[in-house]
PDB file of N, CA and C in Angstrom:
ATOM      1  N   MET A   1      85.477  84.036 144.709  1.00  0.00           N
ATOM      2  CA  MET A   1      85.157  85.353 145.209  1.00  0.00           C
ATOM      3  C   MET A   1      84.791  86.258 144.030  1.00  0.00           C
ATOM      4  N   ILE A   2      83.679  86.897 144.097  1.00  0.00           N
ATOM      5  CA  ILE A   2      83.221  87.805 143.061  1.00  0.00           C
ATOM      6  C   ILE A   2      83.592  89.228 143.444  1.00  0.00           C
ATOM      7  N   ILE A   3      84.255  89.889 142.533  1.00  0.00           N
ATOM      8  CA  ILE A   3      84.650  91.278 142.767  1.00  0.00           C
ATOM      9  C   ILE A   3      83.571  92.174 142.166  1.00  0.00           C
ATOM     10  N   PRO A   4      82.941  92.977 142.992  1.00  0.00           N
ATOM     11  CA  PRO A   4      81.890  93.844 142.450  1.00  0.00           C
ATOM     12  C   PRO A   4      82.487  94.935 141.548  1.00  0.00           C
ATOM     13  N   ILE A   5      81.828  95.168 140.451  1.00  0.00           N
ATOM     14  CA  ILE A   5      82.264  96.208 139.526  1.00  0.00           C
ATOM     15  C   ILE A   5      81.267  97.348 139.605  1.00  0.00           C
ATOM     16  N   GLU A   6      81.789  98.504 139.916  1.00  0.00           N
ATOM     17  CA  GLU A   6      80.938  99.672 140.014  1.00  0.00           C
ATOM     18  C   GLU A   6      80.928 100.396 138.668  1.00  0.00           C
ATOM     19  N   ILE A   7      79.748 100.585 138.133  1.00  0.00           N
ATOM     20  CA  ILE A   7      79.620 101.286 136.860  1.00  0.00           C
ATOM     21  C   ILE A   7      79.244 102.724 137.170  1.00  0.00           C
ATOM     22  N   ASN A   8      80.128 103.605 136.794  1.00  0.00           N
ATOM     23  CA  ASN A   8      79.923 105.022 137.027  1.00  0.00           C
ATOM     24  C   ASN A   8      79.211 105.611 135.809  1.00  0.00           C
ATOM     25  N   GLU A   9      78.115 106.283 136.040  1.00  0.00           N
ATOM     26  CA  GLU A   9      77.338 106.859 134.941  1.00  0.00           C
ATOM     27  C   GLU A   9      78.152 107.854 134.124  1.00  0.00           C
ATOM     28  N   ASN A  10      79.010 108.614 134.777  1.00  0.00           N
ATOM     29  CA  ASN A  10      79.845 109.587 134.060  1.00  0.00           C
ATOM     30  C   ASN A  10      80.842 108.890 133.132  1.00  0.00           C
ATOM     31  N   ASP A  11      81.403 107.754 133.585  1.00  0.00           N
ATOM     32  CA  ASP A  11      82.330 107.008 132.739  1.00  0.00           C
ATOM     33  C   ASP A  11      81.628 106.461 131.507  1.00  0.00           C
ATOM     34  N   LEU A  12      80.418 105.988 131.683  1.00  0.00           N
ATOM     35  CA  LEU A  12      79.650 105.462 130.559  1.00  0.00           C
ATOM     36  C   LEU A  12      79.372 106.566 129.534  1.00  0.00           C
ATOM     37  N   ILE A  13      78.954 107.709 130.005  1.00  0.00           N
ATOM     38  CA  ILE A  13      78.686 108.843 129.108  1.00  0.00           C
ATOM     39  C   ILE A  13      79.968 109.274 128.401  1.00  0.00           C
ATOM     40  N   TYR A  14      81.076 109.337 129.151  1.00  0.00           N
ATOM     41  CA  TYR A  14      82.364 109.708 128.549  1.00  0.00           C
ATOM     42  C   TYR A  14      82.747 108.718 127.450  1.00  0.00           C
ATOM     43  N   ASN A  15      82.596 107.429 127.694  1.00  0.00           N
ATOM     44  CA  ASN A  15      82.958 106.415 126.698  1.00  0.00           C
ATOM     45  C   ASN A  15      82.078 106.503 125.455  1.00  0.00           C
ATOM     46  N   ILE A  16      80.798 106.755 125.636  1.00  0.00           N
ATOM     47  CA  ILE A  16      79.901 106.902 124.491  1.00  0.00           C
ATOM     48  C   ILE A  16      80.306 108.113 123.657  1.00  0.00           C
ATOM     49  N   ILE A  17      80.618 109.217 124.315  1.00  0.00           N
ATOM     50  CA  ILE A  17      81.058 110.425 123.603  1.00  0.00           C
ATOM     51  C   ILE A  17      82.381 110.169 122.885  1.00  0.00           C
ATOM     52  N   ALA A  18      83.309 109.487 123.546  1.00  0.00           N
ATOM     53  CA  ALA A  18      84.615 109.209 122.947  1.00  0.00           C
ATOM     54  C   ALA A  18      84.475 108.307 121.721  1.00  0.00           C
ATOM     55  N   ILE A  19      83.630 107.283 121.804  1.00  0.00           N
ATOM     56  CA  ILE A  19      83.419 106.383 120.672  1.00  0.00           C
ATOM     57  C   ILE A  19      82.783 107.138 119.502  1.00  0.00           C
ATOM     58  N   ASN A  20      81.785 107.967 119.808  1.00  0.00           N
ATOM     59  CA  ASN A  20      81.148 108.761 118.747  1.00  0.00           C
ATOM     60  C   ASN A  20      82.152 109.696 118.082  1.00  0.00           C
ATOM     61  N   ASN A  21      82.998 110.342 118.876  1.00  0.00           N
ATOM     62  CA  ASN A  21      84.016 111.246 118.322  1.00  0.00           C
ATOM     63  C   ASN A  21      85.003 110.494 117.436  1.00  0.00           C
ATOM     64  N   LEU A  22      85.409 109.307 117.864  1.00  0.00           N
ATOM     65  CA  LEU A  22      86.341 108.497 117.082  1.00  0.00           C
ATOM     66  C   LEU A  22      85.729 108.132 115.734  1.00  0.00           C
ATOM     67  N   ILE A  23      84.498 107.653 115.756  1.00  0.00           N
ATOM     68  CA  ILE A  23      83.819 107.265 114.521  1.00  0.00           C
ATOM     69  C   ILE A  23      83.631 108.478 113.610  1.00  0.00           C
ATOM     70  N   LEU A  24      83.194 109.576 114.188  1.00  0.00           N
ATOM     71  CA  LEU A  24      82.994 110.791 113.397  1.00  0.00           C
ATOM     72  C   LEU A  24      84.300 111.293 112.792  1.00  0.00           C
ATOM     73  N   TYR A  25      85.370 111.314 113.596  1.00  0.00           N
ATOM     74  CA  TYR A  25      86.669 111.804 113.111  1.00  0.00           C
ATOM     75  C   TYR A  25      87.114 111.015 111.890  1.00  0.00           C
ATOM     76  N   TYR A  26      87.186 109.689 112.017  1.00  0.00           N
ATOM     77  CA  TYR A  26      87.686 108.881 110.911  1.00  0.00           C
ATOM     78  C   TYR A  26      86.746 108.915 109.715  1.00  0.00           C
ATOM     79  N   SER A  27      85.448 108.787 109.949  1.00  0.00           N
ATOM     80  CA  SER A  27      84.493 108.777 108.840  1.00  0.00           C
ATOM     81  C   SER A  27      84.507 110.086 108.079  1.00  0.00           C
ATOM     82  N   ILE A  28      84.403 111.185 108.787  1.00  0.00           N
ATOM     83  CA  ILE A  28      84.335 112.494 108.137  1.00  0.00           C
ATOM     84  C   ILE A  28      85.673 112.869 107.512  1.00  0.00           C
ATOM     85  N   PHE A  29      86.765 112.717 108.261  1.00  0.00           N
ATOM     86  CA  PHE A  29      88.076 113.128 107.757  1.00  0.00           C
ATOM     87  C   PHE A  29      88.454 112.333 106.524  1.00  0.00           C
ATOM     88  N   GLU A  30      88.255 110.997 106.553  1.00  0.00           N
ATOM     89  CA  GLU A  30      88.629 110.185 105.399  1.00  0.00           C
ATOM     90  C   GLU A  30      87.712 110.452 104.210  1.00  0.00           C
ATOM     91  N   SER A  31      86.447 110.750 104.455  1.00  0.00           N
ATOM     92  CA  SER A  31      85.533 111.041 103.348  1.00  0.00           C
ATOM     93  C   SER A  31      85.857 112.385 102.700  1.00  0.00           C
ATOM     94  N   ILE A  32      86.094 113.402 103.508  1.00  0.00           N
ATOM     95  CA  ILE A  32      86.367 114.749 102.991  1.00  0.00           C
ATOM     96  C   ILE A  32      87.702 114.806 102.257  1.00  0.00           C
ATOM     97  N   THR A  33      88.726 114.174 102.809  1.00  0.00           N
ATOM     98  CA  THR A  33      90.070 114.267 102.230  1.00  0.00           C
ATOM     99  C   THR A  33      90.366 113.127 101.261  1.00  0.00           C
ATOM    100  N   LYS A  34      89.354 112.376 100.895  1.00  0.00           N
ATOM    101  CA  LYS A  34      89.519 111.260  99.950  1.00  0.00           C
ATOM    102  C   LYS A  34      90.589 110.272 100.404  1.00  0.00           C
ATOM    103  N   ARG A  35      90.286 109.533 101.446  1.00  0.00           N
ATOM    104  CA  ARG A  35      91.099 108.412 101.946  1.00  0.00           C
ATOM    105  C   ARG A  35      92.212 108.798 102.909  1.00  0.00           C
ATOM    106  N   ARG A  36      92.323 110.046 103.344  1.00  0.00           N
ATOM    107  CA  ARG A  36      93.519 110.391 104.108  1.00  0.00           C
ATOM    108  C   ARG A  36      93.192 111.157 105.385  1.00  0.00           C
ATOM    109  N   THR A  37      93.623 110.604 106.507  1.00  0.00           N
ATOM    110  CA  THR A  37      93.546 111.327 107.768  1.00  0.00           C
ATOM    111  C   THR A  37      94.829 112.133 107.911  1.00  0.00           C
ATOM    112  N   LEU A  38      94.941 112.881 108.982  1.00  0.00           N
ATOM    113  CA  LEU A  38      96.138 113.692 109.200  1.00  0.00           C
ATOM    114  C   LEU A  38      97.394 112.822 109.214  1.00  0.00           C
ATOM    115  N   GLY A  39      97.342 111.693 109.884  1.00  0.00           N
ATOM    116  CA  GLY A  39      98.494 110.783 109.928  1.00  0.00           C
ATOM    117  C   GLY A  39      98.866 110.259 108.551  1.00  0.00           C
ATOM    118  N   LYS A  40      97.860 109.952 107.751  1.00  0.00           N
ATOM    119  CA  LYS A  40      98.122 109.465 106.398  1.00  0.00           C
ATOM    120  C   LYS A  40      98.710 110.574 105.523  1.00  0.00           C
ATOM    121  N   LEU A  41      98.260 111.800 105.713  1.00  0.00           N
ATOM    122  CA  LEU A  41      98.830 112.921 104.968  1.00  0.00           C
ATOM    123  C   LEU A  41     100.309 113.094 105.298  1.00  0.00           C
ATOM    124  N   ILE A  42     100.645 112.983 106.568  1.00  0.00           N
ATOM    125  CA  ILE A  42     102.035 113.167 107.008  1.00  0.00           C
ATOM    126  C   ILE A  42     102.929 112.035 106.502  1.00  0.00           C
ATOM    127  N   THR A  43     102.432 110.782 106.550  1.00  0.00           N
ATOM    128  CA  THR A  43     103.258 109.632 106.176  1.00  0.00           C
ATOM    129  C   THR A  43     103.200 109.285 104.697  1.00  0.00           C
ATOM    130  N   GLY A  44     102.322 109.950 103.937  1.00  0.00           N
ATOM    131  CA  GLY A  44     102.258 109.725 102.494  1.00  0.00           C
ATOM    132  C   GLY A  44     101.564 108.438 102.095  1.00  0.00           C
ATOM    133  N   ILE A  45     100.588 108.003 102.884  1.00  0.00           N
ATOM    134  CA  ILE A  45      99.850 106.790 102.557  1.00  0.00           C
ATOM    135  C   ILE A  45      98.373 107.116 102.362  1.00  0.00           C
ATOM    136  N   LYS A  46      97.632 106.178 101.748  1.00  0.00           N
ATOM    137  CA  LYS A  46      96.196 106.367 101.571  1.00  0.00           C
ATOM    138  C   LYS A  46      95.492 105.016 101.594  1.00  0.00           C
ATOM    139  N   VAL A  47      94.178 105.054 101.752  1.00  0.00           N
ATOM    140  CA  VAL A  47      93.347 103.859 101.815  1.00  0.00           C
ATOM    141  C   VAL A  47      92.752 103.605 100.441  1.00  0.00           C
ATOM    142  N   ILE A  48      92.802 102.347 100.018  1.00  0.00           N
ATOM    143  CA  ILE A  48      92.126 101.926  98.793  1.00  0.00           C
ATOM    144  C   ILE A  48      91.382 100.625  99.084  1.00  0.00           C
ATOM    145  N   MET A  49      90.454 100.283  98.224  1.00  0.00           N
ATOM    146  CA  MET A  49      89.794  98.986  98.313  1.00  0.00           C
ATOM    147  C   MET A  49      90.797  97.923  97.862  1.00  0.00           C
ATOM    148  N   ILE A  50      90.573  96.684  98.240  1.00  0.00           N
ATOM    149  CA  ILE A  50      91.498  95.617  97.879  1.00  0.00           C
ATOM    150  C   ILE A  50      91.635  95.498  96.356  1.00  0.00           C
ATOM    151  N   ASP A  51      90.570  95.814  95.625  1.00  0.00           N
ATOM    152  CA  ASP A  51      90.625  95.739  94.155  1.00  0.00           C
ATOM    153  C   ASP A  51      91.240  96.985  93.523  1.00  0.00           C
ATOM    154  N   GLY A  52      91.683  97.957  94.329  1.00  0.00           N
ATOM    155  CA  GLY A  52      92.331  99.162  93.821  1.00  0.00           C
ATOM    156  C   GLY A  52      91.389 100.334  93.608  1.00  0.00           C
ATOM    157  N   SER A  53      90.094 100.132  93.792  1.00  0.00           N
ATOM    158  CA  SER A  53      89.135 101.223  93.594  1.00  0.00           C
ATOM    159  C   SER A  53      89.081 102.124  94.826  1.00  0.00           C
ATOM    160  N   GLU A  54      88.358 103.230  94.681  1.00  0.00           N
ATOM    161  CA  GLU A  54      88.238 104.198  95.770  1.00  0.00           C
ATOM    162  C   GLU A  54      87.143 103.765  96.745  1.00  0.00           C
ATOM    163  N   PRO A  55      87.417 103.793  98.044  1.00  0.00           N
ATOM    164  CA  PRO A  55      86.392 103.441  99.033  1.00  0.00           C
ATOM    165  C   PRO A  55      85.231 104.433  99.029  1.00  0.00           C
ATOM    166  N   THR A  56      84.072 103.940  99.398  1.00  0.00           N
ATOM    167  CA  THR A  56      82.886 104.788  99.528  1.00  0.00           C
ATOM    168  C   THR A  56      82.779 105.289 100.960  1.00  0.00           C
ATOM    169  N   THR A  57      81.846 106.170 101.204  1.00  0.00           N
ATOM    170  CA  THR A  57      81.604 106.657 102.564  1.00  0.00           C
ATOM    171  C   THR A  57      81.226 105.495 103.472  1.00  0.00           C
ATOM    172  N   LYS A  58      80.474 104.545 102.948  1.00  0.00           N
ATOM    173  CA  LYS A  58      80.098 103.349 103.718  1.00  0.00           C
ATOM    174  C   LYS A  58      81.341 102.567 104.138  1.00  0.00           C
ATOM    175  N   ASP A  59      82.307 102.423 103.237  1.00  0.00           N
ATOM    176  CA  ASP A  59      83.550 101.706 103.556  1.00  0.00           C
ATOM    177  C   ASP A  59      84.328 102.413 104.667  1.00  0.00           C
ATOM    178  N   TYR A  60      84.372 103.742 104.595  1.00  0.00           N
ATOM    179  CA  TYR A  60      85.043 104.503 105.654  1.00  0.00           C
ATOM    180  C   TYR A  60      84.323 104.326 106.986  1.00  0.00           C
ATOM    181  N   PHE A  61      83.000 104.290 106.937  1.00  0.00           N
ATOM    182  CA  PHE A  61      82.218 104.110 108.161  1.00  0.00           C
ATOM    183  C   PHE A  61      82.484 102.735 108.765  1.00  0.00           C
ATOM    184  N   ILE A  62      82.551 101.689 107.938  1.00  0.00           N
ATOM    185  CA  ILE A  62      82.851 100.340 108.433  1.00  0.00           C
ATOM    186  C   ILE A  62      84.234 100.315 109.066  1.00  0.00           C
ATOM    187  N   ARG A  63      85.219 100.945 108.416  1.00  0.00           N
ATOM    188  CA  ARG A  63      86.569 101.015 109.000  1.00  0.00           C
ATOM    189  C   ARG A  63      86.531 101.687 110.369  1.00  0.00           C
ATOM    190  N   SER A  64      85.755 102.759 110.474  1.00  0.00           N
ATOM    191  CA  SER A  64      85.675 103.509 111.724  1.00  0.00           C
ATOM    192  C   SER A  64      85.005 102.708 112.827  1.00  0.00           C
ATOM    193  N   ILE A  65      83.923 102.025 112.510  1.00  0.00           N
ATOM    194  CA  ILE A  65      83.220 101.203 113.496  1.00  0.00           C
ATOM    195  C   ILE A  65      84.144 100.096 114.021  1.00  0.00           C
ATOM    196  N   CYS A  66      84.909  99.487 113.129  1.00  0.00           N
ATOM    197  CA  CYS A  66      85.791  98.382 113.526  1.00  0.00           C
ATOM    198  C   CYS A  66      86.916  98.839 114.446  1.00  0.00           C
ATOM    199  N   ARG A  67      87.234 100.104 114.462  1.00  0.00           N
ATOM    200  CA  ARG A  67      88.298 100.611 115.332  1.00  0.00           C
ATOM    201  C   ARG A  67      87.926 100.539 116.812  1.00  0.00           C
ATOM    202  N   ILE A  68      86.623 100.400 117.115  1.00  0.00           N
ATOM    203  CA  ILE A  68      86.216 100.336 118.528  1.00  0.00           C
ATOM    204  C   ILE A  68      86.173  98.905 119.056  1.00  0.00           C
ATOM    205  N   ILE A  69      86.508  97.912 118.213  1.00  0.00           N
ATOM    206  CA  ILE A  69      86.573  96.524 118.679  1.00  0.00           C
ATOM    207  C   ILE A  69      87.703  96.426 119.696  1.00  0.00           C
ATOM    208  N   PRO A  70      87.423  95.849 120.870  1.00  0.00           N
ATOM    209  CA  PRO A  70      88.500  95.704 121.861  1.00  0.00           C
ATOM    210  C   PRO A  70      89.686  94.924 121.280  1.00  0.00           C
ATOM    211  N   PHE A  71      90.873  95.365 121.560  1.00  0.00           N
ATOM    212  CA  PHE A  71      92.136  94.762 121.119  1.00  0.00           C
ATOM    213  C   PHE A  71      92.345  94.846 119.611  1.00  0.00           C
ATOM    214  N   GLU A  72      91.622  95.731 118.942  1.00  0.00           N
ATOM    215  CA  GLU A  72      91.775  95.894 117.495  1.00  0.00           C
ATOM    216  C   GLU A  72      93.204  96.274 117.139  1.00  0.00           C
ATOM    217  N   GLY A  73      93.847  97.036 117.983  1.00  0.00           N
ATOM    218  CA  GLY A  73      95.231  97.432 117.727  1.00  0.00           C
ATOM    219  C   GLY A  73      96.176  96.249 117.608  1.00  0.00           C
ATOM    220  N   PHE A  74      95.884  95.161 118.322  1.00  0.00           N
ATOM    221  CA  PHE A  74      96.719  93.964 118.242  1.00  0.00           C
ATOM    222  C   PHE A  74      96.490  93.180 116.952  1.00  0.00           C
ATOM    223  N   SER A  75      95.426  93.492 116.233  1.00  0.00           N
ATOM    224  CA  SER A  75      95.138  92.769 114.997  1.00  0.00           C
ATOM    225  C   SER A  75      96.200  93.044 113.939  1.00  0.00           C
ATOM    226  N   PHE A  76      97.007  94.087 114.120  1.00  0.00           N
ATOM    227  CA  PHE A  76      98.056  94.397 113.159  1.00  0.00           C
ATOM    228  C   PHE A  76      99.291  93.529 113.339  1.00  0.00           C
ATOM    229  N   LEU A  77      99.248  92.590 114.270  1.00  0.00           N
ATOM    230  CA  LEU A  77     100.343  91.635 114.372  1.00  0.00           C
ATOM    231  C   LEU A  77     100.309  90.683 113.178  1.00  0.00           C
ATOM    232  N   GLY A  78      99.180  90.620 112.481  1.00  0.00           N
ATOM    233  CA  GLY A  78      99.053  89.881 111.218  1.00  0.00           C
ATOM    234  C   GLY A  78      99.385  90.815 110.065  1.00  0.00           C
ATOM    235  N   LEU A  79      98.835  90.518 108.900  1.00  0.00           N
ATOM    236  CA  LEU A  79      99.106  91.348 107.723  1.00  0.00           C
ATOM    237  C   LEU A  79      98.330  92.651 107.740  1.00  0.00           C
ATOM    238  N   ASN A  80      97.030  92.589 107.985  1.00  0.00           N
ATOM    239  CA  ASN A  80      96.167  93.767 108.006  1.00  0.00           C
ATOM    240  C   ASN A  80      95.385  93.796 109.304  1.00  0.00           C
ATOM    241  N   GLY A  81      94.984  94.972 109.705  1.00  0.00           N
ATOM    242  CA  GLY A  81      94.155  95.099 110.894  1.00  0.00           C
ATOM    243  C   GLY A  81      92.714  94.717 110.595  1.00  0.00           C
ATOM    244  N   TRP A  82      91.938  94.524 111.656  1.00  0.00           N
ATOM    245  CA  TRP A  82      90.541  94.132 111.482  1.00  0.00           C
ATOM    246  C   TRP A  82      89.758  95.191 110.722  1.00  0.00           C
ATOM    247  N   HIS A  83      90.076  96.485 110.960  1.00  0.00           N
ATOM    248  CA  HIS A  83      89.299  97.506 110.257  1.00  0.00           C
ATOM    249  C   HIS A  83      89.581  97.486 108.752  1.00  0.00           C
ATOM    250  N   ASP A  84      90.712  96.954 108.331  1.00  0.00           N
ATOM    251  CA  ASP A  84      90.955  96.754 106.903  1.00  0.00           C
ATOM    252  C   ASP A  84      90.312  95.460 106.410  1.00  0.00           C
ATOM    253  N   LYS A  85      90.388  94.422 107.234  1.00  0.00           N
ATOM    254  CA  LYS A  85      89.839  93.121 106.840  1.00  0.00           C
ATOM    255  C   LYS A  85      88.326  93.190 106.630  1.00  0.00           C
ATOM    256  N   PHE A  86      87.611  93.764 107.585  1.00  0.00           N
ATOM    257  CA  PHE A  86      86.156  93.788 107.517  1.00  0.00           C
ATOM    258  C   PHE A  86      85.631  94.766 106.472  1.00  0.00           C
ATOM    259  N   SER A  87      86.377  95.819 106.180  1.00  0.00           N
ATOM    260  CA  SER A  87      85.937  96.793 105.176  1.00  0.00           C
ATOM    261  C   SER A  87      86.509  96.497 103.790  1.00  0.00           C
ATOM    262  N   LYS A  88      87.329  95.442 103.702  1.00  0.00           N
ATOM    263  CA  LYS A  88      87.963  95.041 102.429  1.00  0.00           C
ATOM    264  C   LYS A  88      88.804  96.181 101.834  1.00  0.00           C
ATOM    265  N   THR A  89      89.557  96.841 102.708  1.00  0.00           N
ATOM    266  CA  THR A  89      90.439  97.926 102.291  1.00  0.00           C
ATOM    267  C   THR A  89      91.882  97.581 102.631  1.00  0.00           C
ATOM    268  N   THR A  90      92.782  98.393 102.137  1.00  0.00           N
ATOM    269  CA  THR A  90      94.184  98.267 102.497  1.00  0.00           C
ATOM    270  C   THR A  90      94.818  99.656 102.412  1.00  0.00           C
ATOM    271  N   VAL A  91      95.982  99.805 102.988  1.00  0.00           N
ATOM    272  CA  VAL A  91      96.691 101.084 102.981  1.00  0.00           C
ATOM    273  C   VAL A  91      97.926 100.930 102.100  1.00  0.00           C
ATOM    274  N   VAL A  92      98.130 101.903 101.203  1.00  0.00           N
ATOM    275  CA  VAL A  92      99.261 101.854 100.276  1.00  0.00           C
ATOM    276  C   VAL A  92     100.018 103.178 100.304  1.00  0.00           C
ATOM    277  N   ASN A  93     101.263 103.133  99.828  1.00  0.00           N
ATOM    278  CA  ASN A  93     102.037 104.353  99.647  1.00  0.00           C
ATOM    279  C   ASN A  93     101.422 105.120  98.482  1.00  0.00           C
ATOM    280  N   LYS A  94     101.016 106.351  98.730  1.00  0.00           N
ATOM    281  CA  LYS A  94     100.288 107.146  97.744  1.00  0.00           C
ATOM    282  C   LYS A  94     101.083 107.332  96.452  1.00  0.00           C
ATOM    283  N   ASN A  95     102.330 107.759  96.556  1.00  0.00           N
ATOM    284  CA  ASN A  95     103.136 108.026  95.360  1.00  0.00           C
ATOM    285  C   ASN A  95     103.406 106.763  94.560  1.00  0.00           C
ATOM    286  N   ALA A  96     103.734 105.665  95.237  1.00  0.00           N
ATOM    287  CA  ALA A  96     104.010 104.408  94.537  1.00  0.00           C
ATOM    288  C   ALA A  96     102.750 103.882  93.852  1.00  0.00           C
ATOM    289  N   PHE A  97     101.605 103.999  94.528  1.00  0.00           N
ATOM    290  CA  PHE A  97     100.347 103.531  93.947  1.00  0.00           C
ATOM    291  C   PHE A  97      99.994 104.340  92.705  1.00  0.00           C
ATOM    292  N   GLU A  98     100.097 105.663  92.790  1.00  0.00           N
ATOM    293  CA  GLU A  98      99.762 106.511  91.643  1.00  0.00           C
ATOM    294  C   GLU A  98     100.737 106.311  90.491  1.00  0.00           C
ATOM    295  N   ALA A  99     102.015 106.047  90.806  1.00  0.00           N
ATOM    296  CA  ALA A  99     102.989 105.763  89.749  1.00  0.00           C
ATOM    297  C   ALA A  99     102.653 104.444  89.048  1.00  0.00           C
ATOM    298  N   ALA A 100     102.244 103.446  89.811  1.00  0.00           N
ATOM    299  CA  ALA A 100     101.869 102.153  89.226  1.00  0.00           C
ATOM    300  C   ALA A 100     100.639 102.293  88.343  1.00  0.00           C
ATOM    301  N   ILE A 101      99.656 103.087  88.792  1.00  0.00           N
ATOM    302  CA  ILE A 101      98.454 103.320  87.991  1.00  0.00           C
ATOM    303  C   ILE A 101      98.828 104.032  86.688  1.00  0.00           C
ATOM    304  N   SER A 102      99.674 105.047  86.765  1.00  0.00           N
ATOM    305  CA  SER A 102     100.112 105.777  85.563  1.00  0.00           C
ATOM    306  C   SER A 102     100.844 104.846  84.601  1.00  0.00           C
ATOM    307  N   PHE A 103     101.681 103.978  85.135  1.00  0.00           N
ATOM    308  CA  PHE A 103     102.418 103.024  84.312  1.00  0.00           C
ATOM    309  C   PHE A 103     101.456 102.079  83.611  1.00  0.00           C
ATOM    310  N   ASP A 104     100.485 101.541  84.352  1.00  0.00           N
ATOM    311  CA  ASP A 104      99.496 100.633  83.765  1.00  0.00           C
ATOM    312  C   ASP A 104      98.691 101.332  82.675  1.00  0.00           C
ATOM    313  N   GLU A 105      98.322 102.586  82.905  1.00  0.00           N
ATOM    314  CA  GLU A 105      97.568 103.341  81.901  1.00  0.00           C
ATOM    315  C   GLU A 105      98.418 103.588  80.664  1.00  0.00           C
ATOM    316  N   ALA A 106      99.713 103.854  80.839  1.00  0.00           N
ATOM    317  CA  ALA A 106     100.602 104.078  79.697  1.00  0.00           C
ATOM    318  C   ALA A 106     100.757 102.796  78.882  1.00  0.00           C
ATOM    319  N   ILE A 107     100.902 101.671  79.544  1.00  0.00           N
ATOM    320  CA  ILE A 107     101.023 100.382  78.846  1.00  0.00           C
ATOM    321  C   ILE A 107      99.743 100.090  78.075  1.00  0.00           C
ATOM    322  N   GLU A 108      98.598 100.314  78.696  1.00  0.00           N
ATOM    323  CA  GLU A 108      97.306 100.080  78.046  1.00  0.00           C
ATOM    324  C   GLU A 108      97.141 100.991  76.828  1.00  0.00           C
ATOM    325  N   SER A 109      97.590 102.223  76.947  1.00  0.00           N
ATOM    326  CA  SER A 109      97.520 103.164  75.837  1.00  0.00           C
ATOM    327  C   SER A 109      98.385 102.676  74.669  1.00  0.00           C
ATOM    328  N   LEU A 110      99.572 102.187  74.967  1.00  0.00           N
ATOM    329  CA  LEU A 110     100.454 101.659  73.919  1.00  0.00           C
ATOM    330  C   LEU A 110      99.842 100.433  73.242  1.00  0.00           C
ATOM    331  N   ARG A 111      99.208  99.582  74.026  1.00  0.00           N
ATOM    332  CA  ARG A 111      98.556  98.394  73.454  1.00  0.00           C
ATOM    333  C   ARG A 111      97.441  98.809  72.494  1.00  0.00           C
ATOM    334  N   ASN A 112      96.659  99.811  72.888  1.00  0.00           N
ATOM    335  CA  ASN A 112      95.542 100.264  72.049  1.00  0.00           C
ATOM    336  C   ASN A 112      96.040 100.903  70.750  1.00  0.00           C
ATOM    337  N   GLU A 113      97.199 101.565  70.783  1.00  0.00           N
ATOM    338  CA  GLU A 113      97.757 102.179  69.579  1.00  0.00           C
ATOM    339  C   GLU A 113      98.250 101.135  68.598  1.00  0.00           C
ATOM    340  N   ASN A 114      98.726  99.999  69.110  1.00  0.00           N
ATOM    341  CA  ASN A 114      99.279  98.943  68.243  1.00  0.00           C
ATOM    342  C   ASN A 114      98.199  98.042  67.673  1.00  0.00           C
ATOM    343  N   ILE A 115      96.977  98.193  68.094  1.00  0.00           N
ATOM    344  CA  ILE A 115      95.911  97.308  67.606  1.00  0.00           C
ATOM    345  C   ILE A 115      95.354  97.800  66.302  1.00  0.00           C
TER     346      ILE A 115
END
């Protein structure tokens, strides 16, 4: 038995608007605030590339596009979500990451002084 599915034009328009808003929110907010949405600001985390560098606007856009993949929320049952996997990004604790960078820079500075 085939169940007919009625496609409502208003629902389609609403979904297109909602997807555009989602992509715009994440892309613009993360680009303007340098890796941090409102939730990230509150929880003290930020987005970095897997190699530790700063993501580009393109990377933020890829993360945003991947958020509309159906069941993307379940992808976090693994280590990273799909929007991190496909954009080659990860989320870190901001203070711990900056402390580690400062420590590495201090060690490198000491090495250069001893040479």
